[in-house]
Structures are given as C-alpha cells and as structure tokens.
Amino acid sequence: MKKAITLFMCLGFFSAIAQIEPLLVHNWRLESVVTADSILDIPDDINTYAIFFESSELSVYDFEVNFGFCQIIEASMTFDNENQSFNLDNAGIPLGHCGIQDILSYEYFLYEEFIFDDMNDQIFESIFTYTFTINENIIYLYLTNSEGSIATYTASTLSNEDFNSTQFSIYPNPTTNLLHIEGKGEIIQNVEIFNLSGKRVLQINANDIKTIAVGHLDNGLYLLKIQTESGSVVKKFLKE
C-alpha cells in the first residue's frame, strides 16, 4: 500500500462547492503526478488527458471519465458533491493503443501509481477529491486520491478548443453592474457564471442574451460560459 502524503498549495487554492460543471466543460491535460515516493512531470510535447462527461446510457452512474490518450482507461463515476469528491467503478480498457512508448510510459505511471490501487485486478483507489485554481487563461485541476497522491491537470478557459473564442467579446471588463456580450453571427442559447471555486452563481436560459446584470455578485474574478449551437466558450471577467 502506498504511503499517504500531504502537499500544501500556498497561493490561489480554492474549493469547488457542490459543483461538477468545471470538470465537464474542459479537456484536462496531465501536467504532473506527485506520490509519496516520486514526482512525475509531463514534458510539453507529451499529451495525455482526462475527459469527464455525462453518461449517454441509462444506468445508476450519471457521469463517466476517460483517462489517457494512447491507452485509455474508461470508468463510471459517482459524485459526492457535498464533499467535492467522486468514486470510480466499472473499469474498461479498450483493446489497442497508439503505440507511442513515451506517452504510454507516463500513462502507465498515472494508472499504476494514482488511478488504481491494483491495476491487474482493476481495483480503483477508493475515493478522489478535486479542487481548482486559475492563473491567467489556465485553469488548474488538482485530483487527490485516497493515498494522498496528487495529479495536476490544466485546461484553457476555452471549453471547446475548436470553437473560435474571438466570436465573442464582453465589456466593460472590469464591470460594476452590467456586462454586455457582443457576438459575430452566433445566437446565444444560455449563459452561466462560475466563481473561481467552481460554484455556479448565475444561470440564464434565454434566446440571444446580450446584457447580464452582475451587480449583485461579490467583487472578484468570474468565469462566464457562453453556449451556442456551434459550441461553448468561457470568458473571464472582473466584478468590482
């Protein structure tokens, strides 16, 4: 059994309260894995991911996750939003992989030292907790397993990298009361605002929203998620 460790994040460490939305709107690139015995840093030219999504099948599990790029690990998820944690179940390892040994070596380290308690028998670590931070246009996701090991993932604030973020601008930024959205040919279907803890503080389901009242929000930095038929994009704004 691996020994537990404690890792203290000194700056900008926030706790997501009863919200899993930030997990679902990004493809998370693995940056590092820290265990009691070693630290694995992922080079910039190596890409392996964690992708969380809503289950497409009727089951007791509402969410699923895929880990990896070359050798993918599939699992069902059960969330405990109150404690900001989740469990994994129903391991699946599809046949075949991309054959890139450099990527595979990092992925197998993640699986053997972080995801699984026993990879041969496909027994997951018993519980995973998660927190977020943000720095400029990068969101950091910290996953901690039941042994205290920590896997760090990052994502751009763009929720869909294929969606052109320049189609939208928001102003004034900073703002004190009203936030205006200017688009280029895209009809906005809904808008959500999240604080940096990952908690959704405002949701508006309306056709072609152009102006949002944010005066009631506490001062601070927020993420604005804009949803259209073509995709979604996340913008950052400051409420003063």
C-alpha atoms as a PDB file:
ATOM      1  CA  MET A   1       0.000   0.000   0.000  1.00  0.00           C
ATOM      2  CA  LYS A   2       1.372   3.402  -0.979  1.00  0.00           C
ATOM      3  CA  LYS A   3       2.056   5.881   1.803  1.00  0.00           C
ATOM      4  CA  ALA A   4      -0.070   8.994   2.075  1.00  0.00           C
ATOM      5  CA  ILE A   5       1.486  12.412   1.511  1.00  0.00           C
ATOM      6  CA  THR A   6       0.407  15.970   2.157  1.00  0.00           C
ATOM      7  CA  LEU A   7       1.016  18.666  -0.422  1.00  0.00           C
ATOM      8  CA  PHE A   8       0.323  22.277   0.512  1.00  0.00           C
ATOM      9  CA  MET A   9      -0.648  24.745  -2.211  1.00  0.00           C
ATOM     10  CA  CYS A  10       0.292  28.169  -0.883  1.00  0.00           C
ATOM     11  CA  LEU A  11      -1.283  30.513  -3.435  1.00  0.00           C
ATOM     12  CA  GLY A  12      -4.701  30.739  -5.044  1.00  0.00           C
ATOM     13  CA  PHE A  13      -6.110  27.450  -3.745  1.00  0.00           C
ATOM     14  CA  PHE A  14      -9.900  27.342  -3.958  1.00  0.00           C
ATOM     15  CA  SER A  15     -12.523  24.734  -3.086  1.00  0.00           C
ATOM     16  CA  ALA A  16     -15.331  23.872  -5.519  1.00  0.00           C
ATOM     17  CA  ILE A  17     -18.585  23.691  -3.591  1.00  0.00           C
ATOM     18  CA  ALA A  18     -21.311  21.332  -4.788  1.00  0.00           C
ATOM     19  CA  GLN A  19     -20.497  21.862  -8.476  1.00  0.00           C
ATOM     20  CA  ILE A  20     -19.065  19.476 -11.043  1.00  0.00           C
ATOM     21  CA  GLU A  21     -19.611  21.714 -14.072  1.00  0.00           C
ATOM     22  CA  PRO A  22     -15.958  22.856 -14.394  1.00  0.00           C
ATOM     23  CA  LEU A  23     -14.920  19.205 -14.705  1.00  0.00           C
ATOM     24  CA  LEU A  24     -17.282  18.653 -17.627  1.00  0.00           C
ATOM     25  CA  VAL A  25     -16.549  21.654 -19.839  1.00  0.00           C
ATOM     26  CA  HIS A  26     -12.824  21.069 -20.390  1.00  0.00           C
ATOM     27  CA  ASN A  27     -10.401  18.508 -21.759  1.00  0.00           C
ATOM     28  CA  TRP A  28      -7.796  18.290 -18.982  1.00  0.00           C
ATOM     29  CA  ARG A  29      -4.128  17.786 -19.916  1.00  0.00           C
ATOM     30  CA  LEU A  30      -1.981  15.961 -17.362  1.00  0.00           C
ATOM     31  CA  GLU A  31       0.874  18.128 -16.038  1.00  0.00           C
ATOM     32  CA  SER A  32       2.309  16.138 -13.117  1.00  0.00           C
ATOM     33  CA  VAL A  33       1.786  13.307 -10.657  1.00  0.00           C
ATOM     34  CA  VAL A  34       3.163  13.556  -7.115  1.00  0.00           C
ATOM     35  CA  THR A  35       3.283  10.441  -4.922  1.00  0.00           C
ATOM     36  CA  ALA A  36       4.981   9.651  -1.629  1.00  0.00           C
ATOM     37  CA  ASP A  37       7.975   8.250  -3.496  1.00  0.00           C
ATOM     38  CA  SER A  38       8.318  10.255  -6.702  1.00  0.00           C
ATOM     39  CA  ILE A  39       7.365  13.286  -8.782  1.00  0.00           C
ATOM     40  CA  LEU A  40       6.483  12.835 -12.450  1.00  0.00           C
ATOM     41  CA  ASP A  41       6.482  15.980 -14.599  1.00  0.00           C
ATOM     42  CA  ILE A  42       4.971  15.638 -18.084  1.00  0.00           C
ATOM     43  CA  PRO A  43       7.021  17.261 -20.908  1.00  0.00           C
ATOM     44  CA  ASP A  44       5.274  19.878 -23.046  1.00  0.00           C
ATOM     45  CA  ASP A  45       5.338  17.623 -26.113  1.00  0.00           C
ATOM     46  CA  ILE A  46       3.545  14.749 -24.327  1.00  0.00           C
ATOM     47  CA  ASN A  47      -0.240  14.940 -24.262  1.00  0.00           C
ATOM     48  CA  THR A  48      -2.465  12.704 -22.166  1.00  0.00           C
ATOM     49  CA  TYR A  49      -5.866  13.755 -20.938  1.00  0.00           C
ATOM     50  CA  ALA A  50      -8.768  13.309 -18.541  1.00  0.00           C
ATOM     51  CA  ILE A  51     -12.204  13.924 -20.055  1.00  0.00           C
ATOM     52  CA  PHE A  52     -15.289  13.945 -17.813  1.00  0.00           C
ATOM     53  CA  PHE A  53     -18.746  13.745 -19.399  1.00  0.00           C
ATOM     54  CA  GLU A  54     -22.371  12.924 -18.702  1.00  0.00           C
ATOM     55  CA  SER A  55     -23.296   9.295 -19.253  1.00  0.00           C
ATOM     56  CA  SER A  56     -25.122   8.607 -22.510  1.00  0.00           C
ATOM     57  CA  GLU A  57     -26.610   5.356 -21.221  1.00  0.00           C
ATOM     58  CA  LEU A  58     -29.324   4.722 -18.666  1.00  0.00           C
ATOM     59  CA  SER A  59     -27.587   3.459 -15.534  1.00  0.00           C
ATOM     60  CA  VAL A  60     -27.026   4.272 -11.886  1.00  0.00           C
ATOM     61  CA  TYR A  61     -23.988   6.282 -12.977  1.00  0.00           C
ATOM     62  CA  ASP A  62     -24.698   9.769 -14.290  1.00  0.00           C
ATOM     63  CA  PHE A  63     -21.123  10.539 -15.313  1.00  0.00           C
ATOM     64  CA  GLU A  64     -18.150   8.849 -16.908  1.00  0.00           C
ATOM     65  CA  VAL A  65     -14.463   9.637 -17.378  1.00  0.00           C
ATOM     66  CA  ASN A  66     -11.768   8.666 -19.856  1.00  0.00           C
ATOM     67  CA  PHE A  67      -8.122   8.861 -18.806  1.00  0.00           C
ATOM     68  CA  GLY A  68      -5.296   8.783 -21.336  1.00  0.00           C
ATOM     69  CA  PHE A  69      -4.515   9.246 -24.998  1.00  0.00           C
ATOM     70  CA  CYS A  70      -2.626   6.115 -26.062  1.00  0.00           C
ATOM     71  CA  GLN A  71      -4.039   3.533 -23.662  1.00  0.00           C
ATOM     72  CA  ILE A  72      -7.394   4.834 -22.487  1.00  0.00           C
ATOM     73  CA  ILE A  73      -8.949   3.891 -19.168  1.00  0.00           C
ATOM     74  CA  GLU A  74     -12.738   4.194 -19.052  1.00  0.00           C
ATOM     75  CA  ALA A  75     -14.742   4.352 -15.817  1.00  0.00           C
ATOM     76  CA  SER A  76     -18.143   5.241 -14.414  1.00  0.00           C
ATOM     77  CA  MET A  77     -18.341   7.896 -11.716  1.00  0.00           C
ATOM     78  CA  THR A  78     -20.350   8.540  -8.574  1.00  0.00           C
ATOM     79  CA  PHE A  79     -20.101  12.095  -7.217  1.00  0.00           C
ATOM     80  CA  ASP A  80     -20.371  13.313  -3.659  1.00  0.00           C
ATOM     81  CA  ASN A  81     -20.826  16.999  -4.388  1.00  0.00           C
ATOM     82  CA  GLU A  82     -21.089  17.980  -0.735  1.00  0.00           C
ATOM     83  CA  ASN A  83     -17.582  16.658  -0.079  1.00  0.00           C
ATOM     84  CA  GLN A  84     -16.261  17.563  -3.521  1.00  0.00           C
ATOM     85  CA  SER A  85     -15.230  14.010  -4.313  1.00  0.00           C
ATOM     86  CA  PHE A  86     -16.037  11.061  -6.557  1.00  0.00           C
ATOM     87  CA  ASN A  87     -15.585   7.318  -6.803  1.00  0.00           C
ATOM     88  CA  LEU A  88     -14.724   5.279  -9.889  1.00  0.00           C
ATOM     89  CA  ASP A  89     -16.215   1.950 -10.910  1.00  0.00           C
ATOM     90  CA  ASN A  90     -16.614  -0.376 -13.908  1.00  0.00           C
ATOM     91  CA  ALA A  91     -13.102  -0.137 -15.311  1.00  0.00           C
ATOM     92  CA  GLY A  92     -12.800  -0.552 -19.044  1.00  0.00           C
ATOM     93  CA  ILE A  93      -9.562  -0.797 -21.034  1.00  0.00           C
ATOM     94  CA  PRO A  94     -10.247  -0.793 -24.797  1.00  0.00           C
ATOM     95  CA  LEU A  95      -8.080  -3.049 -26.926  1.00  0.00           C
ATOM     96  CA  GLY A  96      -5.204  -1.449 -28.754  1.00  0.00           C
ATOM     97  CA  HIS A  97      -3.224   1.723 -28.168  1.00  0.00           C
ATOM     98  CA  CYS A  98      -1.373   4.330 -30.193  1.00  0.00           C
ATOM     99  CA  GLY A  99       1.984   2.605 -29.795  1.00  0.00           C
ATOM    100  CA  ILE A 100       3.891   5.741 -28.780  1.00  0.00           C
ATOM    101  CA  GLN A 101       6.031   4.378 -25.967  1.00  0.00           C
ATOM    102  CA  ASP A 102       6.922   7.771 -24.500  1.00  0.00           C
ATOM    103  CA  ILE A 103       3.245   8.584 -23.916  1.00  0.00           C
ATOM    104  CA  LEU A 104       2.457   5.074 -22.699  1.00  0.00           C
ATOM    105  CA  SER A 105       5.157   5.217 -20.026  1.00  0.00           C
ATOM    106  CA  TYR A 106       3.613   8.349 -18.479  1.00  0.00           C
ATOM    107  CA  GLU A 107       0.102   6.926 -18.721  1.00  0.00           C
ATOM    108  CA  TYR A 108       1.030   3.650 -17.038  1.00  0.00           C
ATOM    109  CA  PHE A 109       2.694   5.570 -14.222  1.00  0.00           C
ATOM    110  CA  LEU A 110      -0.545   7.540 -13.718  1.00  0.00           C
ATOM    111  CA  TYR A 111      -2.649   4.383 -13.762  1.00  0.00           C
ATOM    112  CA  GLU A 112      -0.450   2.246 -11.520  1.00  0.00           C
ATOM    113  CA  GLU A 113       0.558   4.930  -9.003  1.00  0.00           C
ATOM    114  CA  PHE A 114      -2.550   7.114  -8.917  1.00  0.00           C
ATOM    115  CA  ILE A 115      -5.738   5.760 -10.527  1.00  0.00           C
ATOM    116  CA  PHE A 116      -5.632   2.102  -9.455  1.00  0.00           C
ATOM    117  CA  ASP A 117      -4.930   0.517  -6.101  1.00  0.00           C
ATOM    118  CA  ASP A 118      -4.450  -2.741  -8.036  1.00  0.00           C
ATOM    119  CA  MET A 119      -4.278  -2.305 -11.807  1.00  0.00           C
ATOM    120  CA  ASN A 120      -4.074  -6.057 -12.541  1.00  0.00           C
ATOM    121  CA  ASP A 121      -7.418  -6.663 -10.834  1.00  0.00           C
ATOM    122  CA  GLN A 122      -8.747  -3.259 -11.994  1.00  0.00           C
ATOM    123  CA  ILE A 123      -9.432  -2.045  -8.453  1.00  0.00           C
ATOM    124  CA  PHE A 124      -9.565   1.755  -8.271  1.00  0.00           C
ATOM    125  CA  GLU A 125      -8.386   3.910  -5.396  1.00  0.00           C
ATOM    126  CA  SER A 126     -11.354   4.261  -3.072  1.00  0.00           C
ATOM    127  CA  ILE A 127     -12.004   7.999  -3.418  1.00  0.00           C
ATOM    128  CA  PHE A 128     -10.788  11.055  -5.326  1.00  0.00           C
ATOM    129  CA  THR A 129     -11.192  14.694  -4.304  1.00  0.00           C
ATOM    130  CA  TYR A 130     -10.792  17.701  -6.578  1.00  0.00           C
ATOM    131  CA  THR A 131     -10.108  21.445  -6.390  1.00  0.00           C
ATOM    132  CA  PHE A 132      -9.493  24.225  -8.923  1.00  0.00           C
ATOM    133  CA  THR A 133      -7.310  27.298  -9.277  1.00  0.00           C
ATOM    134  CA  ILE A 134      -6.964  29.765 -12.144  1.00  0.00           C
ATOM    135  CA  ASN A 135      -3.962  31.698 -13.421  1.00  0.00           C
ATOM    136  CA  GLU A 136      -4.365  33.985 -16.417  1.00  0.00           C
ATOM    137  CA  ASN A 137      -6.123  31.839 -19.074  1.00  0.00           C
ATOM    138  CA  ILE A 138      -5.220  28.499 -17.499  1.00  0.00           C
ATOM    139  CA  ILE A 139      -7.416  26.536 -15.084  1.00  0.00           C
ATOM    140  CA  TYR A 140      -5.662  24.018 -12.830  1.00  0.00           C
ATOM    141  CA  LEU A 141      -7.434  20.887 -11.634  1.00  0.00           C
ATOM    142  CA  TYR A 142      -5.919  19.056  -8.662  1.00  0.00           C
ATOM    143  CA  LEU A 143      -7.064  15.461  -8.156  1.00  0.00           C
ATOM    144  CA  THR A 144      -6.088  13.780  -4.880  1.00  0.00           C
ATOM    145  CA  ASN A 145      -6.519  10.034  -4.409  1.00  0.00           C
ATOM    146  CA  SER A 146      -7.154   8.134  -1.180  1.00  0.00           C
ATOM    147  CA  GLU A 147      -3.399   7.700  -0.619  1.00  0.00           C
ATOM    148  CA  GLY A 148      -2.768  11.453  -0.755  1.00  0.00           C
ATOM    149  CA  SER A 149      -1.066  11.413  -4.163  1.00  0.00           C
ATOM    150  CA  ILE A 150      -1.895  14.384  -6.375  1.00  0.00           C
ATOM    151  CA  ALA A 151      -2.357  14.578 -10.152  1.00  0.00           C
ATOM    152  CA  THR A 152      -2.367  18.080 -11.626  1.00  0.00           C
ATOM    153  CA  TYR A 153      -4.251  18.807 -14.859  1.00  0.00           C
ATOM    154  CA  THR A 154      -4.617  22.035 -16.816  1.00  0.00           C
ATOM    155  CA  ALA A 155      -7.039  23.420 -19.383  1.00  0.00           C
ATOM    156  CA  SER A 156      -7.512  26.604 -21.314  1.00  0.00           C
ATOM    157  CA  THR A 157     -10.503  28.678 -20.268  1.00  0.00           C
ATOM    158  CA  LEU A 158     -11.892  27.776 -23.688  1.00  0.00           C
ATOM    159  CA  SER A 159     -14.243  24.846 -23.107  1.00  0.00           C
ATOM    160  CA  ASN A 160     -14.057  23.784 -26.751  1.00  0.00           C
ATOM    161  CA  GLU A 161     -10.719  24.448 -28.437  1.00  0.00           C
ATOM    162  CA  ASP A 162     -12.281  24.104 -31.890  1.00  0.00           C
ATOM    163  CA  PHE A 163     -14.739  26.905 -31.159  1.00  0.00           C
ATOM    164  CA  ASN A 164     -13.421  30.322 -32.144  1.00  0.00           C
ATOM    165  CA  SER A 165     -13.276  32.391 -28.957  1.00  0.00           C
ATOM    166  CA  THR A 166     -12.865  35.619 -30.919  1.00  0.00           C
ATOM    167  CA  GLN A 167     -16.533  35.369 -31.951  1.00  0.00           C
ATOM    168  CA  PHE A 168     -17.449  36.919 -28.626  1.00  0.00           C
ATOM    169  CA  SER A 169     -16.270  39.860 -26.579  1.00  0.00           C
ATOM    170  CA  ILE A 170     -17.532  41.092 -23.219  1.00  0.00           C
ATOM    171  CA  TYR A 171     -17.479  44.660 -21.887  1.00  0.00           C
ATOM    172  CA  PRO A 172     -16.937  46.608 -19.739  1.00  0.00           C
ATOM    173  CA  ASN A 173     -14.328  44.465 -18.072  1.00  0.00           C
ATOM    174  CA  PRO A 174     -13.954  45.142 -15.149  1.00  0.00           C
ATOM    175  CA  THR A 175     -17.636  45.888 -14.546  1.00  0.00           C
ATOM    176  CA  THR A 176     -19.684  47.035 -11.567  1.00  0.00           C
ATOM    177  CA  ASN A 177     -23.258  46.345 -12.692  1.00  0.00           C
ATOM    178  CA  LEU A 178     -23.934  45.328 -16.303  1.00  0.00           C
ATOM    179  CA  LEU A 179     -21.930  43.000 -18.534  1.00  0.00           C
ATOM    180  CA  HIS A 180     -22.531  43.215 -22.285  1.00  0.00           C
ATOM    181  CA  ILE A 181     -21.848  40.355 -24.711  1.00  0.00           C
ATOM    182  CA  GLU A 182     -21.046  41.127 -28.323  1.00  0.00           C
ATOM    183  CA  GLY A 183     -21.168  38.251 -30.800  1.00  0.00           C
ATOM    184  CA  LYS A 184     -20.481  37.761 -34.504  1.00  0.00           C
ATOM    185  CA  GLY A 185     -23.302  35.811 -36.078  1.00  0.00           C
ATOM    186  CA  GLU A 186     -23.822  33.368 -33.192  1.00  0.00           C
ATOM    187  CA  ILE A 187     -27.103  33.191 -31.258  1.00  0.00           C
ATOM    188  CA  ILE A 188     -26.502  32.704 -27.536  1.00  0.00           C
ATOM    189  CA  GLN A 189     -28.653  29.937 -26.056  1.00  0.00           C
ATOM    190  CA  ASN A 190     -27.710  30.267 -22.399  1.00  0.00           C
ATOM    191  CA  VAL A 191     -25.150  31.834 -20.125  1.00  0.00           C
ATOM    192  CA  GLU A 192     -23.664  30.573 -16.856  1.00  0.00           C
ATOM    193  CA  ILE A 193     -21.333  32.356 -14.439  1.00  0.00           C
ATOM    194  CA  PHE A 194     -18.957  30.492 -12.109  1.00  0.00           C
ATOM    195  CA  ASN A 195     -16.763  31.802  -9.353  1.00  0.00           C
ATOM    196  CA  LEU A 196     -13.192  30.555  -9.076  1.00  0.00           C
ATOM    197  CA  SER A 197     -14.283  27.891  -6.618  1.00  0.00           C
ATOM    198  CA  GLY A 198     -16.209  26.264  -9.450  1.00  0.00           C
ATOM    199  CA  LYS A 199     -19.606  27.193  -7.955  1.00  0.00           C
ATOM    200  CA  ARG A 200     -22.257  28.334 -10.426  1.00  0.00           C
ATOM    201  CA  VAL A 201     -23.575  31.673  -9.186  1.00  0.00           C
ATOM    202  CA  LEU A 202     -25.852  32.600 -12.097  1.00  0.00           C
ATOM    203  CA  GLN A 203     -27.609  30.774 -14.928  1.00  0.00           C
ATOM    204  CA  ILE A 204     -29.709  32.412 -17.650  1.00  0.00           C
ATOM    205  CA  ASN A 205     -31.633  30.338 -20.184  1.00  0.00           C
ATOM    206  CA  ALA A 206     -32.889  32.800 -22.782  1.00  0.00           C
ATOM    207  CA  ASN A 207     -32.619  33.342 -26.509  1.00  0.00           C
ATOM    208  CA  ASP A 208     -29.794  35.606 -27.691  1.00  0.00           C
ATOM    209  CA  ILE A 209     -28.747  37.174 -24.367  1.00  0.00           C
ATOM    210  CA  LYS A 210     -26.863  40.440 -24.820  1.00  0.00           C
ATOM    211  CA  THR A 211     -26.755  42.065 -21.372  1.00  0.00           C
ATOM    212  CA  ILE A 212     -26.376  40.476 -17.931  1.00  0.00           C
ATOM    213  CA  ALA A 213     -26.891  42.151 -14.556  1.00  0.00           C
ATOM    214  CA  VAL A 214     -23.996  41.210 -12.271  1.00  0.00           C
ATOM    215  CA  GLY A 215     -24.253  43.982  -9.673  1.00  0.00           C
ATOM    216  CA  HIS A 216     -25.458  41.529  -7.027  1.00  0.00           C
ATOM    217  CA  LEU A 217     -22.310  39.399  -7.287  1.00  0.00           C
ATOM    218  CA  ASP A 218     -19.489  39.761  -4.795  1.00  0.00           C
ATOM    219  CA  ASN A 219     -16.404  41.557  -6.066  1.00  0.00           C
ATOM    220  CA  GLY A 220     -13.886  39.216  -7.640  1.00  0.00           C
ATOM    221  CA  LEU A 221     -12.919  37.239 -10.716  1.00  0.00           C
ATOM    222  CA  TYR A 222     -15.531  35.082 -12.513  1.00  0.00           C
ATOM    223  CA  LEU A 223     -15.829  32.744 -15.483  1.00  0.00           C
ATOM    224  CA  LEU A 224     -18.623  33.397 -17.978  1.00  0.00           C
ATOM    225  CA  LYS A 225     -19.681  30.355 -20.036  1.00  0.00           C
ATOM    226  CA  ILE A 226     -21.483  31.216 -23.292  1.00  0.00           C
ATOM    227  CA  GLN A 227     -23.382  28.407 -25.030  1.00  0.00           C
ATOM    228  CA  THR A 228     -24.432  28.498 -28.700  1.00  0.00           C
ATOM    229  CA  GLU A 229     -25.434  25.895 -31.287  1.00  0.00           C
ATOM    230  CA  SER A 230     -21.826  25.852 -32.534  1.00  0.00           C
ATOM    231  CA  GLY A 231     -20.230  25.252 -29.172  1.00  0.00           C
ATOM    232  CA  SER A 232     -19.373  26.948 -25.913  1.00  0.00           C
ATOM    233  CA  VAL A 233     -16.709  29.379 -24.829  1.00  0.00           C
ATOM    234  CA  VAL A 234     -15.580  30.629 -21.434  1.00  0.00           C
ATOM    235  CA  LYS A 235     -14.613  34.253 -20.818  1.00  0.00           C
ATOM    236  CA  LYS A 236     -13.054  35.728 -17.704  1.00  0.00           C
ATOM    237  CA  PHE A 237     -14.297  38.989 -16.154  1.00  0.00           C
ATOM    238  CA  LEU A 238     -13.713  41.046 -13.020  1.00  0.00           C
ATOM    239  CA  LYS A 239     -16.620  42.325 -10.902  1.00  0.00           C
ATOM    240  CA  GLU A 240     -15.716  45.471  -8.939  1.00  0.00           C
END
